[in-house]
Amino acid sequence: MLEAGGYRDVDSDGNEYMDFVSSATVFNVSHLREDVIKAIKEQLNRYMVYSLVYFYAYKVHYFLGFNN
C-alpha cells in the first residue's frame, strides 16, 4: 500500500481498497484524520506513557496458576 486515507487504501497500481482489516485505532477513527492527529500531538506534548503491564500481568497470572 502506498497511501491510506479515511477508510481506503491505495496500492502501487492505483487500485483503491476499503480497509476492512485495519488496526483497532484505524477501525475506530479511520486513517489520517487531521483532528485526531492534532489531538494526539497535543496529548504527546503533555504526557505520554507506554506500558506492557497488562501483557506481563497476564503471563504472571497464568504462571502462578490463576488461570481458572
Protein backbone atom coordinates (compact mmCIF):
# COMPACT_ATOMS: atom_id res chain seq x y z
CA MET A 1 0.00 0.00 0.00
CA LEU A 2 1.26 3.41 -0.90
CA GLU A 3 -1.33 5.57 0.76
CA ALA A 4 -4.24 5.45 3.16
CA GLY A 5 -6.94 7.97 3.94
CA GLY A 6 -10.24 7.61 5.72
CA TYR A 7 -11.32 4.02 5.18
CA ARG A 8 -9.47 3.44 1.89
CA ASP A 9 -6.01 2.21 0.93
CA VAL A 10 -4.29 2.69 -2.43
CA ASP A 11 -1.75 0.25 -3.84
CA SER A 12 1.19 0.96 -6.17
CA ASP A 13 -1.01 0.41 -9.25
CA GLY A 14 -3.55 2.97 -8.12
CA ASN A 15 -6.15 0.39 -7.10
CA GLU A 16 -8.31 1.50 -4.18
CA TYR A 17 -9.44 -0.83 -1.43
CA MET A 18 -11.73 -0.44 1.55
CA ASP A 19 -9.75 -1.12 4.73
CA PHE A 20 -11.65 -3.93 6.46
CA VAL A 21 -8.64 -5.37 8.32
CA SER A 22 -7.22 -2.25 9.93
CA SER A 23 -5.95 -2.00 13.46
CA ALA A 24 -8.22 -1.11 16.36
CA THR A 25 -7.35 2.57 16.16
CA VAL A 26 -7.90 2.87 12.43
CA PHE A 27 -11.12 0.90 12.73
CA ASN A 28 -12.45 3.42 15.25
CA VAL A 29 -11.25 6.71 13.76
CA SER A 30 -10.05 5.99 10.16
CA HIS A 31 -6.73 6.88 8.56
CA LEU A 32 -5.06 10.29 8.87
CA ARG A 33 -7.90 12.36 10.30
CA GLU A 34 -6.42 15.78 10.95
CA ASP A 35 -8.47 16.36 14.10
CA VAL A 36 -7.24 13.06 15.57
CA ILE A 37 -3.61 13.75 14.60
CA LYS A 38 -3.84 17.20 16.21
CA ALA A 39 -5.29 15.75 19.41
CA ILE A 40 -2.57 13.08 19.57
CA LYS A 41 0.18 15.66 19.10
CA GLU A 42 -1.31 17.88 21.80
CA GLN A 43 -1.50 14.94 24.21
CA LEU A 44 2.07 13.86 23.46
CA ASN A 45 3.26 17.35 24.38
CA ARG A 46 1.58 16.97 27.79
CA TYR A 47 2.16 13.35 28.76
CA MET A 48 3.00 10.02 27.17
CA VAL A 49 3.15 6.56 28.66
CA TYR A 50 3.59 3.18 27.04
CA SER A 51 3.19 0.10 29.15
CA LEU A 52 3.11 -3.64 28.70
CA VAL A 53 1.75 -4.09 32.22
CA TYR A 54 -1.35 -5.93 31.03
CA PHE A 55 0.69 -8.21 28.79
CA TYR A 56 3.04 -9.17 31.62
CA ALA A 57 0.31 -9.29 34.27
CA TYR A 58 -1.50 -11.92 32.23
CA LYS A 59 1.67 -14.00 31.92
CA VAL A 60 2.43 -13.75 35.65
CA HIS A 61 -1.19 -14.56 36.48
CA TYR A 62 -1.02 -17.66 34.28
CA PHE A 63 2.42 -18.68 35.60
CA LEU A 64 1.17 -18.53 39.19
CA GLY A 65 -1.72 -20.83 38.34
CA PHE A 66 -4.54 -18.31 38.45
CA ASN A 67 -5.77 -19.32 35.01
CA ASN A 68 -9.12 -20.80 36.05
